[in-house]
Amino acid sequence: MAIAVKTENLCWDICERYTGLVGKVATLTDKMLGMQNDIPIAANADEVTPAWLTKVLNANGYSATITAVTQSSIGTGQVGENVRFTLTGEGDFPATVVGKFASLDPVSRETGKMTNSYGKEVHFYKALRSRVDIQTPDIFFVDLEEATQDFIILMQDQSPGYQGDQIEGGSIEQARVAMQQIAKLHGPCWGADDLVHGEIITSIKDGDAGEGLKMLWLGVEGGFLERYADRLNDDEKGLVKAIGRNLGPYTRYDATTTLIHGDYRLDNMLFDGPYPLAVVDWQTTSVGCALQDVSYYMGTSLLPDDRRQVEDDLIRLYFDGLSGYDIDFSWDDCWHYYRHYAPAGLIMAVIASMIVGETERGNDMFMAMAKRSARMMADLDTIALLESSNA
């Protein structure tokens, strides 16, 4: 679980205008948490002490006295700090737990505050997790300090499970499990009218959502094409420009909404631990079209040849997973919106690569996401679909 964020100073004004959150976070967060307890927030890994852990674990039904704790950094996230704690003590307690904290990078941390990513994830675990069926790690403690935006999510360790590899791409079997699980997020909240929560959980149907994305895109498209000029071919560069011209129809959506993850890909998935798949990183949660998550995963996390081989079967697996819920949704609509949202991974790669601190792994990851998503857009003729809907 986690929270964190990202951005370069030159993008702050764009993000502020897009989200409208600066100056509002403290009040909203205080109302959102709505819970007082006598266990303080451990704002960083060094504040996760034996005494603090003893209180938290005993509040979760354990009977323990923790006498020592060691820590080690884990994960590959650019916008959050993830730490595994190994516990020593007496009584009944887990051998290890994992904590997620705000990023140690000051740029990423500031963006987290500005976009309210920390608040989104804390709100998901406190208010929304109990409403959905998707598997996440069990949570021992989650809270956020409104004045500083320090937060902690202390969770069940998913060892011996492993994180998906965004750069290498996932297997077809991993994709099957991912499609089964994402239906368990979308189905329970399909058509729910009480998901929006101020500026914390927003909806695609908000009046300025499309304009905000277009404004943000204008601030990053040129920089993306310049930075990765030697890594993108002409077709990929053309698709980046084409989606920029078609953000209007891309963001236009008037059908039924549900709760979506927003960053549903391999880096945010833990496989074969206590569960076949546990989904983490809920800092981009919003209300939107379910197929955005589906297209995003298929376009970013499967190699193109594998995706083509199983595309129809996997989307039908997802569609069948929704059938267990009381929803009205046709296969034709499912496939239409799957094609419509094929650019989701490319859009994320363009924007995120420009507003997070640049790293070698980050560049490789964003290129993998962008190239695979561009190939999917071409295979599904998505630009023609968007242009026809805008005619």
Protein backbone atom coordinates (compact mmCIF):
# COMPACT_ATOMS: atom_id res chain seq x y z
CA MET A 1 0.00 0.00 0.00
CA ALA A 2 1.33 3.30 -0.36
CA ILE A 3 1.29 6.81 -1.26
CA ALA A 4 3.60 9.15 -2.87
CA VAL A 5 3.87 11.57 -5.68
CA LYS A 6 5.91 13.25 -8.23
CA THR A 7 6.67 16.43 -10.21
CA GLU A 8 9.15 18.97 -11.46
CA ASN A 9 8.85 22.61 -10.46
CA LEU A 10 7.93 23.67 -13.99
CA CYS A 11 4.79 21.50 -13.84
CA TRP A 12 3.55 22.67 -10.44
CA ASP A 13 1.41 25.48 -11.81
CA ILE A 14 -0.22 23.12 -14.31
CA CYS A 15 -0.93 20.53 -11.61
CA GLU A 16 -2.30 23.15 -9.24
CA ARG A 17 -4.73 24.43 -11.85
CA TYR A 18 -5.69 20.87 -12.82
CA THR A 19 -6.39 19.54 -9.34
CA GLY A 20 -7.41 22.69 -7.48
CA LEU A 21 -6.17 21.06 -4.31
CA VAL A 22 -3.50 23.34 -2.94
CA GLY A 23 -4.70 24.97 0.25
CA LYS A 24 -7.67 22.58 0.58
CA VAL A 25 -5.92 19.35 1.51
CA ALA A 26 -5.75 19.91 5.25
CA THR A 27 -9.44 20.61 5.72
CA LEU A 28 -10.55 17.78 3.44
CA THR A 29 -8.18 15.29 5.01
CA ASP A 30 -9.31 16.14 8.53
CA LYS A 31 -12.93 15.53 7.55
CA MET A 32 -12.03 12.42 5.60
CA LEU A 33 -10.19 10.65 8.39
CA GLY A 34 -12.98 11.30 10.86
CA MET A 35 -11.29 9.02 13.38
CA GLN A 36 -9.30 9.74 16.51
CA ASN A 37 -7.15 7.15 18.20
CA ASP A 38 -4.38 7.13 20.73
CA ILE A 39 -1.77 5.66 18.38
CA PRO A 40 0.24 8.42 16.71
CA ILE A 41 1.36 8.33 13.10
CA ALA A 42 4.84 6.97 12.53
CA ALA A 43 5.89 9.51 9.94
CA ASN A 44 8.92 7.56 8.71
CA ALA A 45 10.54 4.18 9.12
CA ASP A 46 12.66 5.26 12.08
CA GLU A 47 9.51 6.07 14.06
CA VAL A 48 8.27 2.49 13.74
CA THR A 49 9.59 1.46 17.13
CA PRO A 50 9.01 -1.72 19.15
CA ALA A 51 6.62 0.16 21.44
CA TRP A 52 4.65 1.56 18.50
CA LEU A 53 4.41 -1.83 16.83
CA THR A 54 3.25 -3.44 20.07
CA LYS A 55 0.34 -0.99 20.29
CA VAL A 56 -0.64 -1.41 16.64
CA LEU A 57 -0.49 -5.19 16.58
CA ASN A 58 -2.36 -5.60 19.85
CA ALA A 59 -5.06 -3.26 18.51
CA ASN A 60 -5.40 -5.75 15.63
CA GLY A 61 -6.04 -8.73 17.89
CA TYR A 62 -2.51 -9.96 18.48
CA SER A 63 -1.04 -10.51 21.92
CA ALA A 64 2.55 -9.38 21.62
CA THR A 65 5.40 -7.46 23.12
CA ILE A 66 7.79 -6.39 20.40
CA THR A 67 11.29 -5.92 21.75
CA ALA A 68 13.31 -5.19 18.60
CA VAL A 69 12.76 -4.25 14.97
CA THR A 70 15.07 -4.04 11.95
CA GLN A 71 14.26 -2.46 8.59
CA SER A 72 15.17 -2.81 4.92
CA SER A 73 13.96 -0.89 1.88
CA ILE A 74 11.95 -2.85 -0.70
CA GLY A 75 10.09 -2.21 -3.94
CA THR A 76 10.83 -0.11 -7.00
CA GLY A 77 8.45 2.79 -6.51
CA GLN A 78 9.58 6.27 -7.50
CA VAL A 79 7.03 8.11 -5.41
CA GLY A 80 6.85 6.25 -2.13
CA GLU A 81 9.14 4.72 0.47
CA ASN A 82 8.44 1.05 1.16
CA VAL A 83 10.12 -0.70 4.06
CA ARG A 84 10.02 -4.25 5.41
CA PHE A 85 10.24 -4.53 9.19
CA THR A 86 11.48 -7.71 10.84
CA LEU A 87 10.13 -8.11 14.35
CA THR A 88 11.50 -9.75 17.49
CA GLY A 89 9.51 -10.16 20.68
CA GLU A 90 7.25 -12.29 22.79
CA GLY A 91 3.76 -13.60 22.15
CA ASP A 92 1.73 -13.79 18.94
CA PHE A 93 2.82 -11.52 16.09
CA PRO A 94 3.80 -11.64 12.40
CA ALA A 95 7.50 -12.13 11.73
CA THR A 96 7.53 -9.24 9.24
CA VAL A 97 5.30 -6.34 8.22
CA VAL A 98 5.62 -3.71 5.50
CA GLY A 99 5.21 0.03 5.83
CA LYS A 100 4.65 2.64 3.16
CA PHE A 101 5.54 6.28 3.77
CA ALA A 102 5.73 9.53 1.84
CA SER A 103 8.57 9.80 -0.64
CA LEU A 104 11.98 10.81 0.62
CA ASP A 105 12.48 12.78 -2.59
CA PRO A 106 11.35 16.39 -1.93
CA VAL A 107 9.98 16.88 -5.46
CA SER A 108 7.92 13.71 -5.35
CA ARG A 109 6.75 14.50 -1.84
CA GLU A 110 5.59 17.99 -2.81
CA THR A 111 3.65 16.62 -5.74
CA GLY A 112 2.00 14.09 -3.43
CA LYS A 113 0.76 16.92 -1.28
CA MET A 114 -0.40 18.96 -4.23
CA THR A 115 -2.32 16.21 -6.04
CA ASN A 116 -3.61 14.71 -2.79
CA SER A 117 -2.27 11.30 -3.74
CA TYR A 118 -1.56 10.55 -0.09
CA GLY A 119 -5.13 11.38 0.84
CA LYS A 120 -6.56 9.24 -1.96
CA GLU A 121 -4.80 6.10 -0.79
CA VAL A 122 -5.55 6.64 2.87
CA HIS A 123 -9.20 7.25 1.99
CA PHE A 124 -9.34 4.07 -0.09
CA TYR A 125 -8.18 1.91 2.80
CA LYS A 126 -10.33 3.65 5.37
CA ALA A 127 -13.56 4.13 3.47
CA LEU A 128 -13.65 2.10 0.24
CA ARG A 129 -11.71 -1.12 0.67
CA SER A 130 -14.53 -2.73 2.63
CA ARG A 131 -16.91 -2.08 -0.28
CA VAL A 132 -15.01 -4.00 -2.94
CA ASP A 133 -13.92 -7.60 -3.44
CA ILE A 134 -10.50 -7.08 -4.99
CA GLN A 135 -7.65 -8.57 -2.97
CA THR A 136 -5.26 -6.24 -1.17
CA PRO A 137 -2.84 -6.94 1.67
CA ASP A 138 -4.41 -6.83 5.11
CA ILE A 139 -3.92 -3.46 6.77
CA PHE A 140 -2.79 -3.05 10.38
CA PHE A 141 -2.66 0.74 10.54
CA VAL A 142 -3.35 3.59 8.14
CA ASP A 143 -3.45 7.29 8.85
CA LEU A 144 -2.36 10.66 7.58
CA GLU A 145 -1.28 13.81 9.39
CA GLU A 146 -3.18 16.65 7.77
CA ALA A 147 -0.73 19.45 8.61
CA THR A 148 2.40 17.76 7.23
CA GLN A 149 0.82 15.17 4.92
CA ASP A 150 2.97 12.52 6.59
CA PHE A 151 1.28 9.15 6.36
CA ILE A 152 1.83 5.49 7.02
CA ILE A 153 0.18 2.36 5.73
CA LEU A 154 1.33 -0.64 7.76
CA MET A 155 0.34 -3.83 6.00
CA GLN A 156 0.68 -7.55 5.79
CA ASP A 157 3.95 -8.65 4.22
CA GLN A 158 3.30 -10.44 0.91
CA SER A 159 6.50 -12.50 1.12
CA PRO A 160 7.30 -14.95 -0.45
CA GLY A 161 5.33 -13.24 -3.19
CA TYR A 162 6.99 -11.05 -5.78
CA GLN A 163 6.29 -7.78 -7.52
CA GLY A 164 5.40 -7.82 -11.20
CA ASP A 165 8.10 -6.59 -13.56
CA GLN A 166 6.83 -3.66 -15.61
CA ILE A 167 9.87 -3.49 -17.85
CA GLU A 168 10.03 -7.18 -18.73
CA GLY A 169 6.26 -7.54 -19.02
CA GLY A 170 3.98 -10.12 -17.48
CA SER A 171 2.87 -13.60 -18.38
CA ILE A 172 -0.47 -14.55 -19.85
CA GLU A 173 -1.35 -16.34 -16.61
CA GLN A 174 -0.64 -13.19 -14.60
CA ALA A 175 -2.93 -11.30 -16.97
CA ARG A 176 -5.72 -13.81 -16.39
CA VAL A 177 -5.50 -13.32 -12.63
CA ALA A 178 -5.36 -9.54 -13.11
CA MET A 179 -8.53 -9.55 -15.23
CA GLN A 180 -10.36 -11.67 -12.66
CA GLN A 181 -9.34 -9.36 -9.84
CA ILE A 182 -10.14 -6.06 -11.53
CA ALA A 183 -13.72 -7.22 -12.11
CA LYS A 184 -13.92 -7.56 -8.32
CA LEU A 185 -13.08 -3.88 -7.96
CA HIS A 186 -15.48 -2.62 -10.61
CA GLY A 187 -18.49 -4.87 -10.02
CA PRO A 188 -19.37 -4.00 -6.41
CA CYS A 189 -19.39 -0.23 -7.04
CA TRP A 190 -20.93 -0.26 -10.53
CA GLY A 191 -23.19 2.77 -10.83
CA ALA A 192 -22.74 3.79 -7.19
CA ASP A 193 -23.58 7.47 -6.71
CA ASP A 194 -21.77 7.99 -3.40
CA LEU A 195 -18.14 7.44 -4.38
CA VAL A 196 -17.10 11.02 -5.09
CA HIS A 197 -15.47 12.59 -2.03
CA GLY A 198 -14.68 16.26 -2.52
CA GLU A 199 -11.36 16.71 -4.29
CA ILE A 200 -10.09 13.41 -2.90
CA ILE A 201 -12.10 11.00 -5.06
CA THR A 202 -13.19 12.77 -8.22
CA SER A 203 -15.22 11.67 -11.23
CA ILE A 204 -14.56 11.62 -14.95
CA LYS A 205 -17.92 13.35 -15.26
CA ASP A 206 -16.69 16.41 -13.39
CA GLY A 207 -17.12 19.34 -15.73
CA ASP A 208 -13.46 20.34 -15.95
CA ALA A 209 -11.85 16.87 -15.96
CA GLY A 210 -11.22 16.83 -19.70
CA GLU A 211 -9.98 20.40 -19.83
CA GLY A 212 -7.61 19.71 -16.97
CA LEU A 213 -6.04 16.76 -18.77
CA LYS A 214 -5.69 18.75 -21.97
CA MET A 215 -3.97 21.57 -20.13
CA LEU A 216 -1.61 19.17 -18.39
CA TRP A 217 -0.83 17.44 -21.69
CA LEU A 218 0.11 20.73 -23.32
CA GLY A 219 2.70 21.23 -20.61
CA VAL A 220 4.42 17.87 -21.08
CA GLU A 221 4.02 16.57 -24.65
CA GLY A 222 6.91 18.55 -26.10
CA GLY A 223 9.27 17.62 -23.30
CA PHE A 224 8.40 13.93 -23.62
CA LEU A 225 9.04 13.89 -27.37
CA GLU A 226 12.32 15.73 -26.90
CA ARG A 227 13.64 13.56 -24.05
CA TYR A 228 12.82 10.28 -25.75
CA ALA A 229 13.43 11.33 -29.37
CA ASP A 230 16.06 8.61 -29.86
CA ARG A 231 13.93 5.87 -28.27
CA LEU A 232 10.63 6.42 -30.10
CA ASN A 233 10.06 5.55 -33.75
CA ASP A 234 8.14 7.81 -36.12
CA ASP A 235 4.88 5.88 -35.71
CA GLU A 236 5.07 6.16 -31.92
CA LYS A 237 5.79 9.88 -32.08
CA GLY A 238 2.84 10.27 -34.42
CA LEU A 239 0.53 8.49 -32.00
CA VAL A 240 1.67 10.74 -29.13
CA LYS A 241 0.69 13.77 -31.20
CA ALA A 242 -2.53 12.13 -32.37
CA ILE A 243 -3.77 11.40 -28.87
CA GLY A 244 -2.96 14.99 -27.95
CA ARG A 245 -5.29 16.14 -30.73
CA ASN A 246 -8.02 13.76 -29.57
CA LEU A 247 -8.07 14.25 -25.80
CA GLY A 248 -11.51 15.81 -26.14
CA PRO A 249 -13.28 12.67 -27.35
CA TYR A 250 -10.99 10.50 -25.22
CA THR A 251 -12.15 12.18 -22.00
CA ARG A 252 -15.81 12.37 -23.02
CA TYR A 253 -17.75 9.67 -21.18
CA ASP A 254 -21.45 9.66 -20.29
CA ALA A 255 -22.11 6.00 -19.44
CA THR A 256 -22.10 4.22 -16.08
CA THR A 257 -19.12 4.82 -13.81
CA THR A 258 -17.51 2.81 -11.06
CA LEU A 259 -14.50 2.94 -8.75
CA ILE A 260 -11.28 2.54 -10.73
CA HIS A 261 -7.68 2.01 -9.67
CA GLY A 262 -6.12 4.35 -12.21
CA ASP A 263 -2.65 2.73 -12.29
CA TYR A 264 -3.49 -0.94 -12.71
CA ARG A 265 -0.23 -2.50 -13.90
CA LEU A 266 2.48 -4.96 -12.93
CA ASP A 267 4.52 -2.70 -10.66
CA ASN A 268 1.45 -2.36 -8.43
CA MET A 269 0.80 -6.10 -8.15
CA LEU A 270 2.22 -8.72 -5.79
CA PHE A 271 1.90 -12.29 -7.03
CA ASP A 272 1.96 -15.68 -5.31
CA GLY A 273 2.34 -14.56 -1.72
CA PRO A 274 -0.47 -15.14 0.78
CA TYR A 275 -2.82 -14.59 -2.20
CA PRO A 276 -2.47 -15.33 -5.93
CA LEU A 277 -2.54 -11.56 -6.47
CA ALA A 278 -2.67 -8.63 -4.07
CA VAL A 279 -3.14 -5.17 -5.62
CA VAL A 280 -1.42 -2.16 -4.06
CA ASP A 281 -0.82 1.57 -4.71
CA TRP A 282 -4.25 3.19 -4.63
CA GLN A 283 -3.10 6.81 -4.93
CA THR A 284 -4.78 7.35 -8.31
CA THR A 285 -8.21 6.03 -7.32
CA SER A 286 -11.12 7.83 -8.95
CA VAL A 287 -14.57 7.35 -10.43
CA GLY A 288 -14.57 6.56 -14.14
CA CYS A 289 -15.05 4.03 -16.90
CA ALA A 290 -14.17 0.50 -15.82
CA LEU A 291 -12.46 -0.31 -19.10
CA GLN A 292 -9.81 2.33 -18.44
CA ASP A 293 -8.20 -0.05 -15.92
CA VAL A 294 -8.58 -3.02 -18.25
CA SER A 295 -7.08 -1.29 -21.28
CA TYR A 296 -4.32 0.21 -19.16
CA TYR A 297 -3.21 -3.19 -17.92
CA MET A 298 -3.44 -4.89 -21.30
CA GLY A 299 -1.56 -2.08 -23.02
CA THR A 300 1.25 -1.69 -20.50
CA SER A 301 1.80 -5.10 -18.93
CA LEU A 302 1.59 -7.67 -21.72
CA LEU A 303 4.05 -7.94 -24.57
CA PRO A 304 2.25 -7.08 -27.83
CA ASP A 305 2.51 -10.58 -29.33
CA ASP A 306 1.09 -12.12 -26.15
CA ARG A 307 -1.67 -9.52 -25.98
CA ARG A 308 -2.78 -10.19 -29.55
CA GLN A 309 -2.83 -13.93 -28.88
CA VAL A 310 -5.20 -13.78 -25.90
CA GLU A 311 -6.84 -10.34 -26.15
CA ASP A 312 -10.38 -11.48 -26.89
CA ASP A 313 -10.24 -14.31 -24.33
CA LEU A 314 -8.96 -12.04 -21.55
CA ILE A 315 -11.50 -9.29 -22.13
CA ARG A 316 -14.25 -11.93 -22.13
CA LEU A 317 -12.83 -13.30 -18.88
CA TYR A 318 -13.14 -9.83 -17.38
CA PHE A 319 -16.63 -9.38 -18.83
CA ASP A 320 -17.73 -12.73 -17.39
CA GLY A 321 -16.34 -11.67 -14.01
CA LEU A 322 -18.75 -8.74 -13.98
CA SER A 323 -21.71 -11.09 -14.48
CA GLY A 324 -21.72 -11.96 -10.80
CA TYR A 325 -22.78 -8.41 -9.99
CA ASP A 326 -26.08 -6.67 -10.67
CA ILE A 327 -25.03 -4.58 -13.63
CA ASP A 328 -26.34 -3.82 -17.10
CA PHE A 329 -23.42 -3.89 -19.52
CA SER A 330 -23.22 -5.42 -23.00
CA TRP A 331 -20.29 -7.14 -24.65
CA ASP A 332 -20.40 -4.62 -27.50
CA ASP A 333 -20.03 -1.76 -25.04
CA CYS A 334 -17.24 -3.60 -23.25
CA TRP A 335 -15.23 -4.02 -26.42
CA HIS A 336 -15.98 -0.47 -27.59
CA TYR A 337 -14.62 1.09 -24.40
CA TYR A 338 -11.68 -1.31 -24.37
CA ARG A 339 -10.65 0.14 -27.73
CA HIS A 340 -11.51 3.68 -26.60
CA TYR A 341 -9.18 3.54 -23.58
CA ALA A 342 -6.24 1.89 -25.34
CA PRO A 343 -4.26 5.18 -25.00
CA ALA A 344 -4.47 5.10 -21.18
CA GLY A 345 -0.98 3.66 -20.70
CA LEU A 346 0.59 6.01 -23.23
CA ILE A 347 -1.05 9.02 -21.59
CA MET A 348 0.26 7.97 -18.17
CA ALA A 349 3.76 7.40 -19.55
CA VAL A 350 3.88 10.83 -21.19
CA ILE A 351 2.61 12.73 -18.16
CA ALA A 352 4.26 10.79 -15.36
CA SER A 353 7.68 10.71 -17.01
CA MET A 354 7.67 14.49 -17.09
CA ILE A 355 6.49 15.13 -13.54
CA VAL A 356 8.54 12.63 -11.53
CA GLY A 357 12.21 12.65 -10.77
CA GLU A 358 14.06 11.11 -13.71
CA THR A 359 15.81 7.76 -13.13
CA GLU A 360 17.30 5.16 -15.47
CA ARG A 361 14.75 2.56 -14.40
CA GLY A 362 11.97 5.09 -14.70
CA ASN A 363 12.95 5.92 -18.27
CA ASP A 364 13.02 2.24 -19.20
CA MET A 365 9.65 1.67 -17.56
CA PHE A 366 7.96 4.62 -19.23
CA MET A 367 9.31 3.56 -22.60
CA ALA A 368 7.98 0.03 -22.14
CA MET A 369 4.56 1.41 -21.19
CA ALA A 370 4.48 3.95 -24.02
CA LYS A 371 5.63 1.60 -26.77
CA ARG A 372 3.31 -1.25 -25.81
CA SER A 373 0.34 1.08 -25.47
CA ALA A 374 1.10 2.72 -28.81
CA ARG A 375 1.19 -0.70 -30.45
CA MET A 376 -2.17 -1.53 -28.89
CA MET A 377 -3.65 1.75 -30.14
CA ALA A 378 -2.48 0.94 -33.64
CA ASP A 379 -3.75 -2.64 -33.51
CA LEU A 380 -7.19 -1.52 -32.33
CA ASP A 381 -7.36 1.55 -34.63
CA THR A 382 -8.18 3.70 -31.62
CA ILE A 383 -7.41 7.07 -33.19
CA ALA A 384 -9.96 6.41 -35.95
CA LEU A 385 -12.49 5.45 -33.27
CA LEU A 386 -11.90 8.67 -31.35
CA GLU A 387 -11.97 10.82 -34.48
CA SER A 388 -15.25 9.26 -35.60
CA SER A 389 -16.84 9.94 -32.22
CA ASN A 390 -15.78 13.57 -32.52
CA ALA A 391 -17.20 14.00 -36.02
